[in-house]
Amino acid sequence: MAPTELNAEFNTERRFVRITGERSDGFVEFDFAIGEPELFVELLLSRPAFEEFCAHNHAELLTAEPPHTADDGNPDDLHWRLADVVPGSPTPATEPQQRS
């Protein structure tokens, strides 16, 4: 496919949301994609704002995706999340850091 050609199956009307975590402070961590669920941005919103965001975008809720692994069973270096590399980033398993 030439760089200027668009994939005929790419539909910008389709919106996708995948919840990746819910924090104890009421925020929802999620992926948001337009057209292709594999190409997404990581976002963080309060629960009410998340629900409004999903309704406004008519987003399709995707199920949680298993972690990517290489053929040898180790985590794939090309599939990482911002929370995986930012020190002190809260994850679903940890509490958010309090600012002093």
PDB file of N, CA and C in Angstrom:
ATOM      1  N   MET A   1       0.848  -1.165   0.000  1.00  0.00           N
ATOM      2  CA  MET A   1       0.000   0.000   0.000  1.00  0.00           C
ATOM      3  C   MET A   1       0.896   1.230   0.000  1.00  0.00           C
ATOM      4  N   ALA A   2       0.627   2.179  -0.873  1.00  0.00           N
ATOM      5  CA  ALA A   2       1.397   3.415  -0.946  1.00  0.00           C
ATOM      6  C   ALA A   2       1.139   4.257   0.299  1.00  0.00           C
ATOM      7  N   PRO A   3       2.119   5.083   0.710  1.00  0.00           N
ATOM      8  CA  PRO A   3       1.958   5.862   1.934  1.00  0.00           C
ATOM      9  C   PRO A   3       0.734   6.776   1.936  1.00  0.00           C
ATOM     10  N   THR A   4       0.278   7.227   0.769  1.00  0.00           N
ATOM     11  CA  THR A   4      -0.864   8.130   0.716  1.00  0.00           C
ATOM     12  C   THR A   4      -2.205   7.409   0.635  1.00  0.00           C
ATOM     13  N   GLU A   5      -2.187   6.086   0.438  1.00  0.00           N
ATOM     14  CA  GLU A   5      -3.430   5.325   0.369  1.00  0.00           C
ATOM     15  C   GLU A   5      -3.950   5.036   1.777  1.00  0.00           C
ATOM     16  N   LEU A   6      -5.251   5.088   1.929  1.00  0.00           N
ATOM     17  CA  LEU A   6      -5.861   4.712   3.199  1.00  0.00           C
ATOM     18  C   LEU A   6      -6.407   3.302   3.104  1.00  0.00           C
ATOM     19  N   ASN A   7      -6.284   2.575   4.176  1.00  0.00           N
ATOM     20  CA  ASN A   7      -6.849   1.236   4.243  1.00  0.00           C
ATOM     21  C   ASN A   7      -8.364   1.374   4.146  1.00  0.00           C
ATOM     22  N   ALA A   8      -8.977   0.684   3.199  1.00  0.00           N
ATOM     23  CA  ALA A   8     -10.424   0.779   3.000  1.00  0.00           C
ATOM     24  C   ALA A   8     -11.192   0.319   4.234  1.00  0.00           C
ATOM     25  N   GLU A   9     -10.573  -0.531   5.074  1.00  0.00           N
ATOM     26  CA  GLU A   9     -11.231  -1.026   6.278  1.00  0.00           C
ATOM     27  C   GLU A   9     -11.070  -0.089   7.459  1.00  0.00           C
ATOM     28  N   PHE A  10     -10.215   0.919   7.366  1.00  0.00           N
ATOM     29  CA  PHE A  10      -9.991   1.853   8.459  1.00  0.00           C
ATOM     30  C   PHE A  10     -11.182   2.795   8.549  1.00  0.00           C
ATOM     31  N   ASN A  11     -11.938   2.684   9.633  1.00  0.00           N
ATOM     32  CA  ASN A  11     -13.168   3.443   9.795  1.00  0.00           C
ATOM     33  C   ASN A  11     -13.013   4.396  10.978  1.00  0.00           C
ATOM     34  N   THR A  12     -12.864   5.673  10.693  1.00  0.00           N
ATOM     35  CA  THR A  12     -12.662   6.658  11.759  1.00  0.00           C
ATOM     36  C   THR A  12     -13.911   6.881  12.613  1.00  0.00           C
ATOM     37  N   GLU A  13     -15.017   6.317  12.218  1.00  0.00           N
ATOM     38  CA  GLU A  13     -16.237   6.415  13.017  1.00  0.00           C
ATOM     39  C   GLU A  13     -16.218   5.435  14.193  1.00  0.00           C
ATOM     40  N   ARG A  14     -15.393   4.394  14.113  1.00  0.00           N
ATOM     41  CA  ARG A  14     -15.310   3.402  15.193  1.00  0.00           C
ATOM     42  C   ARG A  14     -14.337   3.884  16.252  1.00  0.00           C
ATOM     43  N   ARG A  15     -14.788   3.838  17.504  1.00  0.00           N
ATOM     44  CA  ARG A  15     -13.967   4.255  18.640  1.00  0.00           C
ATOM     45  C   ARG A  15     -13.906   3.102  19.629  1.00  0.00           C
ATOM     46  N   PHE A  16     -12.750   2.911  20.235  1.00  0.00           N
ATOM     47  CA  PHE A  16     -12.538   1.782  21.133  1.00  0.00           C
ATOM     48  C   PHE A  16     -11.957   2.247  22.463  1.00  0.00           C
ATOM     49  N   VAL A  17     -12.387   1.601  23.543  1.00  0.00           N
ATOM     50  CA  VAL A  17     -11.870   1.867  24.885  1.00  0.00           C
ATOM     51  C   VAL A  17     -11.547   0.527  25.530  1.00  0.00           C
ATOM     52  N   ARG A  18     -10.365   0.469  26.142  1.00  0.00           N
ATOM     53  CA  ARG A  18      -9.972  -0.721  26.913  1.00  0.00           C
ATOM     54  C   ARG A  18      -9.518  -0.228  28.288  1.00  0.00           C
ATOM     55  N   ILE A  19     -10.244  -0.610  29.339  1.00  0.00           N
ATOM     56  CA  ILE A  19      -9.856  -0.219  30.695  1.00  0.00           C
ATOM     57  C   ILE A  19      -8.627  -1.028  31.091  1.00  0.00           C
ATOM     58  N   THR A  20      -7.590  -0.317  31.534  1.00  0.00           N
ATOM     59  CA  THR A  20      -6.353  -0.991  31.937  1.00  0.00           C
ATOM     60  C   THR A  20      -6.130  -0.917  33.436  1.00  0.00           C
ATOM     61  N   GLY A  21      -6.907  -0.099  34.134  1.00  0.00           N
ATOM     62  CA  GLY A  21      -6.768  -0.012  35.581  1.00  0.00           C
ATOM     63  C   GLY A  21      -7.781   0.949  36.173  1.00  0.00           C
ATOM     64  N   GLU A  22      -8.127   0.698  37.438  1.00  0.00           N
ATOM     65  CA  GLU A  22      -8.993   1.608  38.185  1.00  0.00           C
ATOM     66  C   GLU A  22      -8.290   1.901  39.496  1.00  0.00           C
ATOM     67  N   ARG A  23      -8.034   3.174  39.742  1.00  0.00           N
ATOM     68  CA  ARG A  23      -7.276   3.582  40.918  1.00  0.00           C
ATOM     69  C   ARG A  23      -8.198   3.855  42.099  1.00  0.00           C
ATOM     70  N   SER A  24      -7.639   3.746  43.291  1.00  0.00           N
ATOM     71  CA  SER A  24      -8.428   3.958  44.505  1.00  0.00           C
ATOM     72  C   SER A  24      -8.866   5.419  44.664  1.00  0.00           C
ATOM     73  N   ASP A  25      -8.237   6.333  43.925  1.00  0.00           N
ATOM     74  CA  ASP A  25      -8.634   7.745  43.994  1.00  0.00           C
ATOM     75  C   ASP A  25      -9.765   8.070  43.016  1.00  0.00           C
ATOM     76  N   GLY A  26     -10.344   7.038  42.381  1.00  0.00           N
ATOM     77  CA  GLY A  26     -11.500   7.236  41.517  1.00  0.00           C
ATOM     78  C   GLY A  26     -11.173   7.452  40.055  1.00  0.00           C
ATOM     79  N   PHE A  27      -9.915   7.376  39.683  1.00  0.00           N
ATOM     80  CA  PHE A  27      -9.543   7.569  38.286  1.00  0.00           C
ATOM     81  C   PHE A  27      -9.497   6.236  37.546  1.00  0.00           C
ATOM     82  N   VAL A  28      -9.818   6.305  36.254  1.00  0.00           N
ATOM     83  CA  VAL A  28      -9.814   5.138  35.379  1.00  0.00           C
ATOM     84  C   VAL A  28      -8.673   5.307  34.383  1.00  0.00           C
ATOM     85  N   GLU A  29      -7.797   4.317  34.314  1.00  0.00           N
ATOM     86  CA  GLU A  29      -6.734   4.276  33.316  1.00  0.00           C
ATOM     87  C   GLU A  29      -7.272   3.468  32.139  1.00  0.00           C
ATOM     88  N   PHE A  30      -7.110   3.996  30.916  1.00  0.00           N
ATOM     89  CA  PHE A  30      -7.665   3.289  29.768  1.00  0.00           C
ATOM     90  C   PHE A  30      -6.933   3.644  28.485  1.00  0.00           C
ATOM     91  N   ASP A  31      -7.113   2.779  27.496  1.00  0.00           N
ATOM     92  CA  ASP A  31      -6.603   3.007  26.147  1.00  0.00           C
ATOM     93  C   ASP A  31      -7.768   3.498  25.297  1.00  0.00           C
ATOM     94  N   PHE A  32      -7.497   4.459  24.419  1.00  0.00           N
ATOM     95  CA  PHE A  32      -8.505   4.965  23.502  1.00  0.00           C
ATOM     96  C   PHE A  32      -7.950   4.883  22.093  1.00  0.00           C
ATOM     97  N   ALA A  33      -8.757   4.314  21.193  1.00  0.00           N
ATOM     98  CA  ALA A  33      -8.330   4.149  19.806  1.00  0.00           C
ATOM     99  C   ALA A  33      -9.440   4.591  18.859  1.00  0.00           C
ATOM    100  N   ILE A  34      -9.027   5.085  17.713  1.00  0.00           N
ATOM    101  CA  ILE A  34      -9.951   5.451  16.643  1.00  0.00           C
ATOM    102  C   ILE A  34      -9.601   4.611  15.426  1.00  0.00           C
ATOM    103  N   GLY A  35     -10.585   3.870  14.931  1.00  0.00           N
ATOM    104  CA  GLY A  35     -10.409   3.099  13.702  1.00  0.00           C
ATOM    105  C   GLY A  35      -9.771   1.732  13.881  1.00  0.00           C
ATOM    106  N   GLU A  36      -8.680   1.650  14.601  1.00  0.00           N
ATOM    107  CA  GLU A  36      -7.950   0.397  14.817  1.00  0.00           C
ATOM    108  C   GLU A  36      -7.644   0.259  16.300  1.00  0.00           C
ATOM    109  N   PRO A  37      -8.122  -0.779  16.981  1.00  0.00           N
ATOM    110  CA  PRO A  37      -7.868  -0.897  18.413  1.00  0.00           C
ATOM    111  C   PRO A  37      -6.399  -1.115  18.760  1.00  0.00           C
ATOM    112  N   GLU A  38      -5.584  -1.528  17.793  1.00  0.00           N
ATOM    113  CA  GLU A  38      -4.171  -1.784  18.051  1.00  0.00           C
ATOM    114  C   GLU A  38      -3.346  -0.502  18.142  1.00  0.00           C
ATOM    115  N   LEU A  39      -3.870   0.613  17.656  1.00  0.00           N
ATOM    116  CA  LEU A  39      -3.166   1.895  17.682  1.00  0.00           C
ATOM    117  C   LEU A  39      -3.927   2.809  18.635  1.00  0.00           C
ATOM    118  N   PHE A  40      -3.373   3.045  19.826  1.00  0.00           N
ATOM    119  CA  PHE A  40      -4.120   3.739  20.868  1.00  0.00           C
ATOM    120  C   PHE A  40      -3.244   4.704  21.645  1.00  0.00           C
ATOM    121  N   VAL A  41      -3.916   5.543  22.429  1.00  0.00           N
ATOM    122  CA  VAL A  41      -3.244   6.412  23.392  1.00  0.00           C
ATOM    123  C   VAL A  41      -3.701   5.994  24.778  1.00  0.00           C
ATOM    124  N   GLU A  42      -2.834   6.208  25.769  1.00  0.00           N
ATOM    125  CA  GLU A  42      -3.185   5.910  27.153  1.00  0.00           C
ATOM    126  C   GLU A  42      -3.758   7.177  27.773  1.00  0.00           C
ATOM    127  N   LEU A  43      -4.907   7.050  28.427  1.00  0.00           N
ATOM    128  CA  LEU A  43      -5.562   8.196  29.044  1.00  0.00           C
ATOM    129  C   LEU A  43      -5.942   7.881  30.482  1.00  0.00           C
ATOM    130  N   LEU A  44      -6.227   8.931  31.240  1.00  0.00           N
ATOM    131  CA  LEU A  44      -6.610   8.822  32.642  1.00  0.00           C
ATOM    132  C   LEU A  44      -7.682   9.869  32.901  1.00  0.00           C
ATOM    133  N   LEU A  45      -8.862   9.425  33.351  1.00  0.00           N
ATOM    134  CA  LEU A  45      -9.972  10.331  33.656  1.00  0.00           C
ATOM    135  C   LEU A  45     -10.668   9.867  34.931  1.00  0.00           C
ATOM    136  N   SER A  46     -11.357  10.803  35.569  1.00  0.00           N
ATOM    137  CA  SER A  46     -12.202  10.410  36.700  1.00  0.00           C
ATOM    138  C   SER A  46     -13.317   9.515  36.169  1.00  0.00           C
ATOM    139  N   ARG A  47     -13.936   8.717  37.027  1.00  0.00           N
ATOM    140  CA  ARG A  47     -14.993   7.798  36.588  1.00  0.00           C
ATOM    141  C   ARG A  47     -16.120   8.548  35.872  1.00  0.00           C
ATOM    142  N   PRO A  48     -16.656   9.663  36.443  1.00  0.00           N
ATOM    143  CA  PRO A  48     -17.725  10.368  35.714  1.00  0.00           C
ATOM    144  C   PRO A  48     -17.263  10.908  34.357  1.00  0.00           C
ATOM    145  N   ALA A  49     -16.046  11.449  34.292  1.00  0.00           N
ATOM    146  CA  ALA A  49     -15.535  11.975  33.025  1.00  0.00           C
ATOM    147  C   ALA A  49     -15.309  10.843  32.024  1.00  0.00           C
ATOM    148  N   PHE A  50     -14.844   9.689  32.505  1.00  0.00           N
ATOM    149  CA  PHE A  50     -14.641   8.522  31.638  1.00  0.00           C
ATOM    150  C   PHE A  50     -15.968   8.086  31.027  1.00  0.00           C
ATOM    151  N   GLU A  51     -17.006   7.991  31.842  1.00  0.00           N
ATOM    152  CA  GLU A  51     -18.311   7.576  31.332  1.00  0.00           C
ATOM    153  C   GLU A  51     -18.846   8.569  30.307  1.00  0.00           C
ATOM    154  N   GLU A  52     -18.670   9.858  30.559  1.00  0.00           N
ATOM    155  CA  GLU A  52     -19.097  10.882  29.608  1.00  0.00           C
ATOM    156  C   GLU A  52     -18.281  10.788  28.312  1.00  0.00           C
ATOM    157  N   PHE A  53     -16.981  10.582  28.440  1.00  0.00           N
ATOM    158  CA  PHE A  53     -16.087  10.436  27.295  1.00  0.00           C
ATOM    159  C   PHE A  53     -16.535   9.267  26.408  1.00  0.00           C
ATOM    160  N   CYS A  54     -16.819   8.128  27.039  1.00  0.00           N
ATOM    161  CA  CYS A  54     -17.243   6.937  26.292  1.00  0.00           C
ATOM    162  C   CYS A  54     -18.574   7.169  25.586  1.00  0.00           C
ATOM    163  N   ALA A  55     -19.509   7.799  26.283  1.00  0.00           N
ATOM    164  CA  ALA A  55     -20.818   8.069  25.682  1.00  0.00           C
ATOM    165  C   ALA A  55     -20.686   9.040  24.510  1.00  0.00           C
ATOM    166  N   HIS A  56     -19.909  10.093  24.695  1.00  0.00           N
ATOM    167  CA  HIS A  56     -19.723  11.101  23.642  1.00  0.00           C
ATOM    168  C   HIS A  56     -19.091  10.496  22.391  1.00  0.00           C
ATOM    169  N   ASN A  57     -18.145   9.561  22.589  1.00  0.00           N
ATOM    170  CA  ASN A  57     -17.437   8.945  21.464  1.00  0.00           C
ATOM    171  C   ASN A  57     -18.095   7.667  20.950  1.00  0.00           C
ATOM    172  N   HIS A  58     -19.190   7.245  21.582  1.00  0.00           N
ATOM    173  CA  HIS A  58     -19.858   5.993  21.207  1.00  0.00           C
ATOM    174  C   HIS A  58     -18.824   4.869  21.143  1.00  0.00           C
ATOM    175  N   ALA A  59     -17.995   4.802  22.187  1.00  0.00           N
ATOM    176  CA  ALA A  59     -16.866   3.871  22.221  1.00  0.00           C
ATOM    177  C   ALA A  59     -17.317   2.435  22.477  1.00  0.00           C
ATOM    178  N   GLU A  60     -16.668   1.519  21.784  1.00  0.00           N
ATOM    179  CA  GLU A  60     -16.869   0.091  22.004  1.00  0.00           C
ATOM    180  C   GLU A  60     -15.902  -0.335  23.104  1.00  0.00           C
ATOM    181  N   LEU A  61     -16.420  -0.982  24.146  1.00  0.00           N
ATOM    182  CA  LEU A  61     -15.588  -1.445  25.244  1.00  0.00           C
ATOM    183  C   LEU A  61     -14.914  -2.754  24.857  1.00  0.00           C
ATOM    184  N   LEU A  62     -13.587  -2.769  24.899  1.00  0.00           N
ATOM    185  CA  LEU A  62     -12.814  -3.963  24.591  1.00  0.00           C
ATOM    186  C   LEU A  62     -12.443  -4.669  25.890  1.00  0.00           C
ATOM    187  N   THR A  63     -12.250  -5.976  25.807  1.00  0.00           N
ATOM    188  CA  THR A  63     -11.833  -6.726  26.984  1.00  0.00           C
ATOM    189  C   THR A  63     -10.348  -6.504  27.216  1.00  0.00           C
ATOM    190  N   ALA A  64      -9.900  -6.803  28.428  1.00  0.00           N
ATOM    191  CA  ALA A  64      -8.490  -6.644  28.766  1.00  0.00           C
ATOM    192  C   ALA A  64      -7.645  -7.530  27.871  1.00  0.00           C
ATOM    193  N   GLU A  65      -6.514  -7.010  27.461  1.00  0.00           N
ATOM    194  CA  GLU A  65      -5.605  -7.737  26.582  1.00  0.00           C
ATOM    195  C   GLU A  65      -4.510  -8.387  27.413  1.00  0.00           C
ATOM    196  N   PRO A  66      -4.194  -9.650  27.155  1.00  0.00           N
ATOM    197  CA  PRO A  66      -3.113 -10.288  27.903  1.00  0.00           C
ATOM    198  C   PRO A  66      -1.782  -9.636  27.573  1.00  0.00           C
ATOM    199  N   PRO A  67      -0.807  -9.701  28.487  1.00  0.00           N
ATOM    200  CA  PRO A  67       0.494  -9.119  28.194  1.00  0.00           C
ATOM    201  C   PRO A  67       1.143  -9.796  26.995  1.00  0.00           C
ATOM    202  N   HIS A  68       1.824  -8.995  26.188  1.00  0.00           N
ATOM    203  CA  HIS A  68       2.512  -9.534  25.015  1.00  0.00           C
ATOM    204  C   HIS A  68       3.809 -10.195  25.452  1.00  0.00           C
ATOM    205  N   THR A  69       4.093 -11.315  24.851  1.00  0.00           N
ATOM    206  CA  THR A  69       5.360 -11.990  25.134  1.00  0.00           C
ATOM    207  C   THR A  69       6.024 -12.368  23.821  1.00  0.00           C
ATOM    208  N   ALA A  70       7.334 -12.432  23.868  1.00  0.00           N
ATOM    209  CA  ALA A  70       8.100 -12.872  22.705  1.00  0.00           C
ATOM    210  C   ALA A  70       7.971 -14.382  22.581  1.00  0.00           C
ATOM    211  N   ASP A  71       8.502 -14.937  21.520  1.00  0.00           N
ATOM    212  CA  ASP A  71       8.434 -16.384  21.291  1.00  0.00           C
ATOM    213  C   ASP A  71       9.052 -17.189  22.422  1.00  0.00           C
ATOM    214  N   ASP A  72      10.014 -16.585  23.142  1.00  0.00           N
ATOM    215  CA  ASP A  72      10.671 -17.319  24.232  1.00  0.00           C
ATOM    216  C   ASP A  72       9.916 -17.207  25.557  1.00  0.00           C
ATOM    217  N   GLY A  73       8.754 -16.565  25.548  1.00  0.00           N
ATOM    218  CA  GLY A  73       7.940 -16.454  26.760  1.00  0.00           C
ATOM    219  C   GLY A  73       8.246 -15.246  27.620  1.00  0.00           C
ATOM    220  N   ASN A  74       9.281 -14.471  27.266  1.00  0.00           N
ATOM    221  CA  ASN A  74       9.621 -13.270  28.011  1.00  0.00           C
ATOM    222  C   ASN A  74       8.809 -12.093  27.492  1.00  0.00           C
ATOM    223  N   PRO A  75       8.607 -11.060  28.340  1.00  0.00           N
ATOM    224  CA  PRO A  75       7.850  -9.894  27.863  1.00  0.00           C
ATOM    225  C   PRO A  75       8.467  -9.309  26.600  1.00  0.00           C
ATOM    226  N   ASP A  76       7.628  -8.876  25.701  1.00  0.00           N
ATOM    227  CA  ASP A  76       8.053  -8.294  24.432  1.00  0.00           C
ATOM    228  C   ASP A  76       8.451  -6.841  24.674  1.00  0.00           C
ATOM    229  N   ASP A  77       9.681  -6.461  24.320  1.00  0.00           N
ATOM    230  CA  ASP A  77      10.174  -5.100  24.544  1.00  0.00           C
ATOM    231  C   ASP A  77       9.418  -4.044  23.751  1.00  0.00           C
ATOM    232  N   LEU A  78       8.699  -4.439  22.709  1.00  0.00           N
ATOM    233  CA  LEU A  78       7.975  -3.467  21.902  1.00  0.00           C
ATOM    234  C   LEU A  78       6.586  -3.168  22.446  1.00  0.00           C
ATOM    235  N   HIS A  79       6.145  -3.890  23.443  1.00  0.00           N
ATOM    236  CA  HIS A  79       4.815  -3.680  24.009  1.00  0.00           C
ATOM    237  C   HIS A  79       4.949  -3.305  25.477  1.00  0.00           C
ATOM    238  N   TRP A  80       5.007  -2.013  25.736  1.00  0.00           N
ATOM    239  CA  TRP A  80       5.118  -1.539  27.105  1.00  0.00           C
ATOM    240  C   TRP A  80       4.163  -0.379  27.287  1.00  0.00           C
ATOM    241  N   ARG A  81       3.892  -0.042  28.514  1.00  0.00           N
ATOM    242  CA  ARG A  81       2.976   1.043  28.854  1.00  0.00           C
ATOM    243  C   ARG A  81       3.763   2.110  29.589  1.00  0.00           C
ATOM    244  N   LEU A  82       3.293   3.334  29.548  1.00  0.00           N
ATOM    245  CA  LEU A  82       3.954   4.424  30.236  1.00  0.00           C
ATOM    246  C   LEU A  82       4.118   4.117  31.719  1.00  0.00           C
ATOM    247  N   ALA A  83       3.104   3.511  32.331  1.00  0.00           N
ATOM    248  CA  ALA A  83       3.177   3.165  33.755  1.00  0.00           C
ATOM    249  C   ALA A  83       4.265   2.143  34.039  1.00  0.00           C
ATOM    250  N   ASP A  84       4.691   1.394  33.019  1.00  0.00           N
ATOM    251  CA  ASP A  84       5.755   0.406  33.198  1.00  0.00           C
ATOM    252  C   ASP A  84       7.127   1.053  33.343  1.00  0.00           C
ATOM    253  N   VAL A  85       7.292   2.274  32.836  1.00  0.00           N
ATOM    254  CA  VAL A  85       8.623   2.882  32.792  1.00  0.00           C
ATOM    255  C   VAL A  85       8.773   4.161  33.604  1.00  0.00           C
ATOM    256  N   VAL A  86       7.675   4.727  34.081  1.00  0.00           N
ATOM    257  CA  VAL A  86       7.752   5.959  34.867  1.00  0.00           C
ATOM    258  C   VAL A  86       7.820   5.586  36.340  1.00  0.00           C
ATOM    259  N   PRO A  87       8.932   5.916  37.017  1.00  0.00           N
ATOM    260  CA  PRO A  87       9.062   5.566  38.437  1.00  0.00           C
ATOM    261  C   PRO A  87       7.929   6.177  39.257  1.00  0.00           C
ATOM    262  N   GLY A  88       7.364   5.375  40.124  1.00  0.00           N
ATOM    263  CA  GLY A  88       6.304   5.857  41.007  1.00  0.00           C
ATOM    264  C   GLY A  88       4.935   5.945  40.374  1.00  0.00           C
ATOM    265  N   SER A  89       4.796   5.540  39.102  1.00  0.00           N
ATOM    266  CA  SER A  89       3.485   5.579  38.457  1.00  0.00           C
ATOM    267  C   SER A  89       2.572   4.562  39.107  1.00  0.00           C
ATOM    268  N   PRO A  90       1.367   4.989  39.492  1.00  0.00           N
ATOM    269  CA  PRO A  90       0.449   4.012  40.066  1.00  0.00           C
ATOM    270  C   PRO A  90       0.001   3.023  39.009  1.00  0.00           C
ATOM    271  N   THR A  91      -0.174   1.813  39.411  1.00  0.00           N
ATOM    272  CA  THR A  91      -0.704   0.773  38.539  1.00  0.00           C
ATOM    273  C   THR A  91      -1.906   0.184  39.255  1.00  0.00           C
ATOM    274  N   PRO A  92      -2.686  -0.657  38.612  1.00  0.00           N
ATOM    275  CA  PRO A  92      -3.835  -1.233  39.304  1.00  0.00           C
ATOM    276  C   PRO A  92      -3.452  -1.936  40.605  1.00  0.00           C
ATOM    277  N   ALA A  93      -2.210  -2.372  40.730  1.00  0.00           N
ATOM    278  CA  ALA A  93      -1.792  -3.096  41.927  1.00  0.00           C
ATOM    279  C   ALA A  93      -1.227  -2.189  43.013  1.00  0.00           C
ATOM    280  N   THR A  94      -1.035  -0.893  42.718  1.00  0.00           N
ATOM    281  CA  THR A  94      -0.447   0.005  43.710  1.00  0.00           C
ATOM    282  C   THR A  94      -1.342   1.200  43.952  1.00  0.00           C
ATOM    283  N   GLU A  95      -1.130   1.862  45.045  1.00  0.00           N
ATOM    284  CA  GLU A  95      -1.886   3.073  45.370  1.00  0.00           C
ATOM    285  C   GLU A  95      -1.225   4.284  44.714  1.00  0.00           C
ATOM    286  N   PRO A  96      -2.004   5.325  44.389  1.00  0.00           N
ATOM    287  CA  PRO A  96      -1.420   6.538  43.839  1.00  0.00           C
ATOM    288  C   PRO A  96      -0.512   7.206  44.885  1.00  0.00           C
ATOM    289  N   GLN A  97       0.532   7.852  44.405  1.00  0.00           N
ATOM    290  CA  GLN A  97       1.441   8.575  45.271  1.00  0.00           C
ATOM    291  C   GLN A  97       0.786   9.871  45.755  1.00  0.00           C
ATOM    292  N   GLN A  98       0.970  10.219  47.012  1.00  0.00           N
ATOM    293  CA  GLN A  98       0.475  11.472  47.555  1.00  0.00           C
ATOM    294  C   GLN A  98       1.536  12.544  47.310  1.00  0.00           C
ATOM    295  N   ARG A  99       1.100  13.722  46.849  1.00  0.00           N
ATOM    296  CA  ARG A  99       2.039  14.818  46.660  1.00  0.00           C
ATOM    297  C   ARG A  99       2.234  15.553  47.970  1.00  0.00           C
ATOM    298  N   SER A 100       3.484  15.955  48.215  1.00  0.00           N
ATOM    299  CA  SER A 100       3.741  16.702  49.449  1.00  0.00           C
ATOM    300  C   SER A 100       3.935  18.156  49.170  1.00  0.00           C
TER     301      SER A 100
END
